[in-house]
Amino acid sequence: MLMQEFKVPFDQARELTKAGAIFTVHTPVPAGIDYYPSDMIGRYFGHLYQELGLNHEQFMALGRQKPERPL
């Protein structure tokens, strides 16, 4: 929304969002965390890549504990 409304680049919108958001995990054990194959993420969220100015690898890195690790 920041990118669309205020025409800021993804990196800036991400930092602004991180500064004002809190994420909580209610089941902080590995068995309570869902993992999905990369191709499934692409199938359902791939349309967002171009909108955000990201490619598949960059998008996937957003949710990785260690973003530097490849798929």
PDB file of N, CA and C in Angstrom:
ATOM      1  N   MET A   1       0.823  -1.182   0.000  1.00  0.00           N
ATOM      2  CA  MET A   1       0.000   0.000   0.000  1.00  0.00           C
ATOM      3  C   MET A   1       0.872   1.252   0.000  1.00  0.00           C
ATOM      4  N   LEU A   2       1.971   1.208   0.747  1.00  0.00           N
ATOM      5  CA  LEU A   2       2.878   2.368   0.748  1.00  0.00           C
ATOM      6  C   LEU A   2       3.458   2.607  -0.638  1.00  0.00           C
ATOM      7  N   MET A   3       3.793   1.525  -1.329  1.00  0.00           N
ATOM      8  CA  MET A   3       4.354   1.655  -2.664  1.00  0.00           C
ATOM      9  C   MET A   3       3.337   2.286  -3.611  1.00  0.00           C
ATOM     10  N   GLN A   4       2.102   1.875  -3.516  1.00  0.00           N
ATOM     11  CA  GLN A   4       1.075   2.391  -4.412  1.00  0.00           C
ATOM     12  C   GLN A   4       0.667   3.815  -4.057  1.00  0.00           C
ATOM     13  N   GLU A   5       0.395   4.052  -2.788  1.00  0.00           N
ATOM     14  CA  GLU A   5      -0.125   5.357  -2.380  1.00  0.00           C
ATOM     15  C   GLU A   5       0.922   6.466  -2.382  1.00  0.00           C
ATOM     16  N   PHE A   6       2.135   6.129  -1.906  1.00  0.00           N
ATOM     17  CA  PHE A   6       3.166   7.160  -1.766  1.00  0.00           C
ATOM     18  C   PHE A   6       4.306   7.014  -2.768  1.00  0.00           C
ATOM     19  N   LYS A   7       4.199   6.015  -3.652  1.00  0.00           N
ATOM     20  CA  LYS A   7       5.188   5.802  -4.722  1.00  0.00           C
ATOM     21  C   LYS A   7       6.613   5.654  -4.190  1.00  0.00           C
ATOM     22  N   VAL A   8       6.754   4.909  -3.074  1.00  0.00           N
ATOM     23  CA  VAL A   8       8.092   4.659  -2.538  1.00  0.00           C
ATOM     24  C   VAL A   8       8.572   3.298  -3.033  1.00  0.00           C
ATOM     25  N   PRO A   9       9.876   3.089  -3.184  1.00  0.00           N
ATOM     26  CA  PRO A   9      10.390   1.797  -3.624  1.00  0.00           C
ATOM     27  C   PRO A   9      10.180   0.721  -2.553  1.00  0.00           C
ATOM     28  N   PHE A  10      10.251  -0.527  -2.978  1.00  0.00           N
ATOM     29  CA  PHE A  10       9.997  -1.657  -2.091  1.00  0.00           C
ATOM     30  C   PHE A  10      10.838  -1.610  -0.822  1.00  0.00           C
ATOM     31  N   ASP A  11      12.142  -1.397  -0.955  1.00  0.00           N
ATOM     32  CA  ASP A  11      13.021  -1.419   0.224  1.00  0.00           C
ATOM     33  C   ASP A  11      12.596  -0.386   1.272  1.00  0.00           C
ATOM     34  N   GLN A  12      12.209   0.789   0.824  1.00  0.00           N
ATOM     35  CA  GLN A  12      11.772   1.831   1.757  1.00  0.00           C
ATOM     36  C   GLN A  12      10.427   1.447   2.384  1.00  0.00           C
ATOM     37  N   ALA A  13       9.504   0.945   1.589  1.00  0.00           N
ATOM     38  CA  ALA A  13       8.201   0.522   2.118  1.00  0.00           C
ATOM     39  C   ALA A  13       8.377  -0.605   3.134  1.00  0.00           C
ATOM     40  N   ARG A  14       9.298  -1.503   2.862  1.00  0.00           N
ATOM     41  CA  ARG A  14       9.556  -2.612   3.793  1.00  0.00           C
ATOM     42  C   ARG A  14      10.066  -2.086   5.133  1.00  0.00           C
ATOM     43  N   GLU A  15      11.023  -1.174   5.094  1.00  0.00           N
ATOM     44  CA  GLU A  15      11.577  -0.622   6.337  1.00  0.00           C
ATOM     45  C   GLU A  15      10.522   0.139   7.136  1.00  0.00           C
ATOM     46  N   LEU A  16       9.700   0.907   6.458  1.00  0.00           N
ATOM     47  CA  LEU A  16       8.634   1.643   7.144  1.00  0.00           C
ATOM     48  C   LEU A  16       7.629   0.680   7.774  1.00  0.00           C
ATOM     49  N   THR A  17       7.323  -0.387   7.071  1.00  0.00           N
ATOM     50  CA  THR A  17       6.380  -1.384   7.594  1.00  0.00           C
ATOM     51  C   THR A  17       6.979  -2.103   8.793  1.00  0.00           C
ATOM     52  N   LYS A  18       8.245  -2.489   8.694  1.00  0.00           N
ATOM     53  CA  LYS A  18       8.905  -3.176   9.811  1.00  0.00           C
ATOM     54  C   LYS A  18       8.929  -2.311  11.068  1.00  0.00           C
ATOM     55  N   ALA A  19       9.079  -1.010  10.891  1.00  0.00           N
ATOM     56  CA  ALA A  19       9.162  -0.108  12.041  1.00  0.00           C
ATOM     57  C   ALA A  19       7.842  -0.006  12.790  1.00  0.00           C
ATOM     58  N   GLY A  20       6.734  -0.288  12.107  1.00  0.00           N
ATOM     59  CA  GLY A  20       5.440  -0.127  12.754  1.00  0.00           C
ATOM     60  C   GLY A  20       4.642  -1.412  12.899  1.00  0.00           C
ATOM     61  N   ALA A  21       5.293  -2.566  12.746  1.00  0.00           N
ATOM     62  CA  ALA A  21       4.571  -3.831  12.804  1.00  0.00           C
ATOM     63  C   ALA A  21       5.211  -4.770  13.817  1.00  0.00           C
ATOM     64  N   ILE A  22       4.381  -5.594  14.411  1.00  0.00           N
ATOM     65  CA  ILE A  22       4.853  -6.625  15.344  1.00  0.00           C
ATOM     66  C   ILE A  22       4.303  -7.952  14.870  1.00  0.00           C
ATOM     67  N   PHE A  23       5.173  -8.952  14.802  1.00  0.00           N
ATOM     68  CA  PHE A  23       4.764 -10.295  14.393  1.00  0.00           C
ATOM     69  C   PHE A  23       4.906 -11.220  15.588  1.00  0.00           C
ATOM     70  N   THR A  24       3.864 -11.953  15.874  1.00  0.00           N
ATOM     71  CA  THR A  24       3.943 -12.908  16.975  1.00  0.00           C
ATOM     72  C   THR A  24       3.666 -14.316  16.457  1.00  0.00           C
ATOM     73  N   VAL A  25       4.283 -15.283  17.082  1.00  0.00           N
ATOM     74  CA  VAL A  25       4.052 -16.692  16.770  1.00  0.00           C
ATOM     75  C   VAL A  25       3.433 -17.311  18.009  1.00  0.00           C
ATOM     76  N   HIS A  26       2.268 -17.869  17.838  1.00  0.00           N
ATOM     77  CA  HIS A  26       1.577 -18.431  18.987  1.00  0.00           C
ATOM     78  C   HIS A  26       1.940 -19.888  19.253  1.00  0.00           C
ATOM     79  N   THR A  27       2.635 -20.494  18.311  1.00  0.00           N
ATOM     80  CA  THR A  27       3.110 -21.861  18.497  1.00  0.00           C
ATOM     81  C   THR A  27       4.592 -21.870  18.144  1.00  0.00           C
ATOM     82  N   PRO A  28       5.451 -21.412  19.053  1.00  0.00           N
ATOM     83  CA  PRO A  28       6.872 -21.241  18.734  1.00  0.00           C
ATOM     84  C   PRO A  28       7.692 -22.535  18.774  1.00  0.00           C
ATOM     85  N   VAL A  29       7.137 -23.605  18.229  1.00  0.00           N
ATOM     86  CA  VAL A  29       7.876 -24.863  18.124  1.00  0.00           C
ATOM     87  C   VAL A  29       7.880 -25.262  16.657  1.00  0.00           C
ATOM     88  N   PRO A  30       8.913 -25.945  16.192  1.00  0.00           N
ATOM     89  CA  PRO A  30       8.995 -26.305  14.772  1.00  0.00           C
ATOM     90  C   PRO A  30       7.744 -27.016  14.236  1.00  0.00           C
ATOM     91  N   ALA A  31       7.125 -27.866  15.018  1.00  0.00           N
ATOM     92  CA  ALA A  31       5.949 -28.601  14.542  1.00  0.00           C
ATOM     93  C   ALA A  31       4.759 -27.676  14.274  1.00  0.00           C
ATOM     94  N   GLY A  32       4.756 -26.481  14.830  1.00  0.00           N
ATOM     95  CA  GLY A  32       3.653 -25.557  14.649  1.00  0.00           C
ATOM     96  C   GLY A  32       3.856 -24.555  13.527  1.00  0.00           C
ATOM     97  N   ILE A  33       4.941 -24.696  12.779  1.00  0.00           N
ATOM     98  CA  ILE A  33       5.251 -23.751  11.709  1.00  0.00           C
ATOM     99  C   ILE A  33       5.092 -24.466  10.374  1.00  0.00           C
ATOM    100  N   ASP A  34       4.270 -23.898   9.506  1.00  0.00           N
ATOM    101  CA  ASP A  34       4.030 -24.497   8.199  1.00  0.00           C
ATOM    102  C   ASP A  34       5.133 -24.129   7.214  1.00  0.00           C
ATOM    103  N   TYR A  35       5.528 -25.085   6.404  1.00  0.00           N
ATOM    104  CA  TYR A  35       6.500 -24.881   5.334  1.00  0.00           C
ATOM    105  C   TYR A  35       5.844 -25.311   4.038  1.00  0.00           C
ATOM    106  N   TYR A  36       6.083 -24.562   2.961  1.00  0.00           N
ATOM    107  CA  TYR A  36       5.476 -24.856   1.677  1.00  0.00           C
ATOM    108  C   TYR A  36       6.546 -24.891   0.598  1.00  0.00           C
ATOM    109  N   PRO A  37       6.366 -25.732  -0.416  1.00  0.00           N
ATOM    110  CA  PRO A  37       7.332 -25.786  -1.518  1.00  0.00           C
ATOM    111  C   PRO A  37       7.375 -24.456  -2.274  1.00  0.00           C
ATOM    112  N   SER A  38       8.539 -24.119  -2.766  1.00  0.00           N
ATOM    113  CA  SER A  38       8.760 -22.868  -3.485  1.00  0.00           C
ATOM    114  C   SER A  38       7.802 -22.711  -4.656  1.00  0.00           C
ATOM    115  N   ASP A  39       7.558 -23.788  -5.408  1.00  0.00           N
ATOM    116  CA  ASP A  39       6.673 -23.683  -6.569  1.00  0.00           C
ATOM    117  C   ASP A  39       5.235 -23.382  -6.163  1.00  0.00           C
ATOM    118  N   MET A  40       4.816 -23.851  -4.989  1.00  0.00           N
ATOM    119  CA  MET A  40       3.466 -23.554  -4.511  1.00  0.00           C
ATOM    120  C   MET A  40       3.350 -22.076  -4.143  1.00  0.00           C
ATOM    121  N   ILE A  41       4.380 -21.543  -3.509  1.00  0.00           N
ATOM    122  CA  ILE A  41       4.383 -20.121  -3.179  1.00  0.00           C
ATOM    123  C   ILE A  41       4.292 -19.304  -4.464  1.00  0.00           C
ATOM    124  N   GLY A  42       5.061 -19.705  -5.465  1.00  0.00           N
ATOM    125  CA  GLY A  42       5.025 -19.018  -6.752  1.00  0.00           C
ATOM    126  C   GLY A  42       3.655 -19.074  -7.403  1.00  0.00           C
ATOM    127  N   ARG A  43       2.993 -20.218  -7.295  1.00  0.00           N
ATOM    128  CA  ARG A  43       1.677 -20.393  -7.900  1.00  0.00           C
ATOM    129  C   ARG A  43       0.663 -19.406  -7.314  1.00  0.00           C
ATOM    130  N   TYR A  44       0.682 -19.228  -6.012  1.00  0.00           N
ATOM    131  CA  TYR A  44      -0.322 -18.399  -5.357  1.00  0.00           C
ATOM    132  C   TYR A  44       0.083 -16.939  -5.129  1.00  0.00           C
ATOM    133  N   PHE A  45       1.367 -16.674  -5.082  1.00  0.00           N
ATOM    134  CA  PHE A  45       1.817 -15.312  -4.810  1.00  0.00           C
ATOM    135  C   PHE A  45       2.672 -14.720  -5.925  1.00  0.00           C
ATOM    136  N   GLY A  46       2.913 -15.482  -6.975  1.00  0.00           N
ATOM    137  CA  GLY A  46       3.765 -15.036  -8.074  1.00  0.00           C
ATOM    138  C   GLY A  46       3.322 -13.729  -8.703  1.00  0.00           C
ATOM    139  N   HIS A  47       2.020 -13.474  -8.712  1.00  0.00           N
ATOM    140  CA  HIS A  47       1.516 -12.228  -9.301  1.00  0.00           C
ATOM    141  C   HIS A  47       2.002 -10.991  -8.536  1.00  0.00           C
ATOM    142  N   LEU A  48       2.437 -11.185  -7.289  1.00  0.00           N
ATOM    143  CA  LEU A  48       2.904 -10.055  -6.484  1.00  0.00           C
ATOM    144  C   LEU A  48       4.348  -9.662  -6.801  1.00  0.00           C
ATOM    145  N   TYR A  49       5.128 -10.571  -7.363  1.00  0.00           N
ATOM    146  CA  TYR A  49       6.548 -10.288  -7.598  1.00  0.00           C
ATOM    147  C   TYR A  49       6.737  -9.004  -8.385  1.00  0.00           C
ATOM    148  N   GLN A  50       6.088  -8.927  -9.549  1.00  0.00           N
ATOM    149  CA  GLN A  50       6.264  -7.762 -10.417  1.00  0.00           C
ATOM    150  C   GLN A  50       5.753  -6.499  -9.723  1.00  0.00           C
ATOM    151  N   GLU A  51       4.626  -6.621  -9.039  1.00  0.00           N
ATOM    152  CA  GLU A  51       4.055  -5.474  -8.327  1.00  0.00           C
ATOM    153  C   GLU A  51       5.030  -4.923  -7.287  1.00  0.00           C
ATOM    154  N   LEU A  52       5.770  -5.817  -6.639  1.00  0.00           N
ATOM    155  CA  LEU A  52       6.741  -5.414  -5.624  1.00  0.00           C
ATOM    156  C   LEU A  52       8.116  -5.108  -6.201  1.00  0.00           C
ATOM    157  N   GLY A  53       8.311  -5.441  -7.472  1.00  0.00           N
ATOM    158  CA  GLY A  53       9.613  -5.231  -8.099  1.00  0.00           C
ATOM    159  C   GLY A  53      10.630  -6.278  -7.687  1.00  0.00           C
ATOM    160  N   LEU A  54      10.153  -7.485  -7.379  1.00  0.00           N
ATOM    161  CA  LEU A  54      11.022  -8.570  -6.938  1.00  0.00           C
ATOM    162  C   LEU A  54      10.946  -9.740  -7.898  1.00  0.00           C
ATOM    163  N   ASN A  55      11.969 -10.584  -7.883  1.00  0.00           N
ATOM    164  CA  ASN A  55      11.883 -11.851  -8.594  1.00  0.00           C
ATOM    165  C   ASN A  55      11.529 -12.945  -7.578  1.00  0.00           C
ATOM    166  N   HIS A  56      11.386 -14.167  -8.041  1.00  0.00           N
ATOM    167  CA  HIS A  56      10.975 -15.273  -7.159  1.00  0.00           C
ATOM    168  C   HIS A  56      11.939 -15.462  -5.990  1.00  0.00           C
ATOM    169  N   GLU A  57      13.230 -15.465  -6.268  1.00  0.00           N
ATOM    170  CA  GLU A  57      14.242 -15.686  -5.219  1.00  0.00           C
ATOM    171  C   GLU A  57      14.187 -14.577  -4.160  1.00  0.00           C
ATOM    172  N   GLN A  58      14.062 -13.339  -4.591  1.00  0.00           N
ATOM    173  CA  GLN A  58      13.993 -12.220  -3.643  1.00  0.00           C
ATOM    174  C   GLN A  58      12.729 -12.324  -2.782  1.00  0.00           C
ATOM    175  N   PHE A  59      11.628 -12.692  -3.397  1.00  0.00           N
ATOM    176  CA  PHE A  59      10.372 -12.842  -2.657  1.00  0.00           C
ATOM    177  C   PHE A  59      10.492 -13.960  -1.622  1.00  0.00           C
ATOM    178  N   MET A  60      11.064 -15.088  -2.026  1.00  0.00           N
ATOM    179  CA  MET A  60      11.219 -16.220  -1.112  1.00  0.00           C
ATOM    180  C   MET A  60      12.147 -15.873   0.048  1.00  0.00           C
ATOM    181  N   ALA A  61      13.165 -15.071  -0.196  1.00  0.00           N
ATOM    182  CA  ALA A  61      14.110 -14.686   0.850  1.00  0.00           C
ATOM    183  C   ALA A  61      13.428 -13.873   1.953  1.00  0.00           C
ATOM    184  N   LEU A  62      12.312 -13.212   1.640  1.00  0.00           N
ATOM    185  CA  LEU A  62      11.609 -12.416   2.651  1.00  0.00           C
ATOM    186  C   LEU A  62      11.113 -13.276   3.813  1.00  0.00           C
ATOM    187  N   GLY A  63      10.787 -14.532   3.541  1.00  0.00           N
ATOM    188  CA  GLY A  63      10.244 -15.395   4.582  1.00  0.00           C
ATOM    189  C   GLY A  63      11.218 -16.411   5.137  1.00  0.00           C
ATOM    190  N   ARG A  64      12.455 -16.368   4.678  1.00  0.00           N
ATOM    191  CA  ARG A  64      13.465 -17.325   5.125  1.00  0.00           C
ATOM    192  C   ARG A  64      14.155 -16.868   6.394  1.00  0.00           C
ATOM    193  N   GLN A  65      14.414 -17.795   7.296  1.00  0.00           N
ATOM    194  CA  GLN A  65      15.175 -17.460   8.495  1.00  0.00           C
ATOM    195  C   GLN A  65      16.581 -17.003   8.137  1.00  0.00           C
ATOM    196  N   LYS A  66      17.153 -17.628   7.118  1.00  0.00           N
ATOM    197  CA  LYS A  66      18.474 -17.251   6.622  1.00  0.00           C
ATOM    198  C   LYS A  66      18.326 -16.876   5.155  1.00  0.00           C
ATOM    199  N   PRO A  67      17.998 -15.616   4.863  1.00  0.00           N
ATOM    200  CA  PRO A  67      17.710 -15.195   3.485  1.00  0.00           C
ATOM    201  C   PRO A  67      18.844 -15.444   2.506  1.00  0.00           C
ATOM    202  N   GLU A  68      20.060 -15.539   2.981  1.00  0.00           N
ATOM    203  CA  GLU A  68      21.193 -15.752   2.078  1.00  0.00           C
ATOM    204  C   GLU A  68      21.228 -17.173   1.527  1.00  0.00           C
ATOM    205  N   ARG A  69      20.483 -18.100   2.134  1.00  0.00           N
ATOM    206  CA  ARG A  69      20.446 -19.484   1.642  1.00  0.00           C
ATOM    207  C   ARG A  69      19.613 -19.566   0.384  1.00  0.00           C
ATOM    208  N   PRO A  70      20.120 -20.232  -0.661  1.00  0.00           N
ATOM    209  CA  PRO A  70      19.329 -20.378  -1.892  1.00  0.00           C
ATOM    210  C   PRO A  70      18.190 -21.372  -1.688  1.00  0.00           C
ATOM    211  N   LEU A  71      17.299 -21.415  -2.665  1.00  0.00           N
ATOM    212  CA  LEU A  71      16.161 -22.344  -2.601  1.00  0.00           C
ATOM    213  C   LEU A  71      16.599 -23.779  -2.548  1.00  0.00           C
TER     214      LEU A  71
END
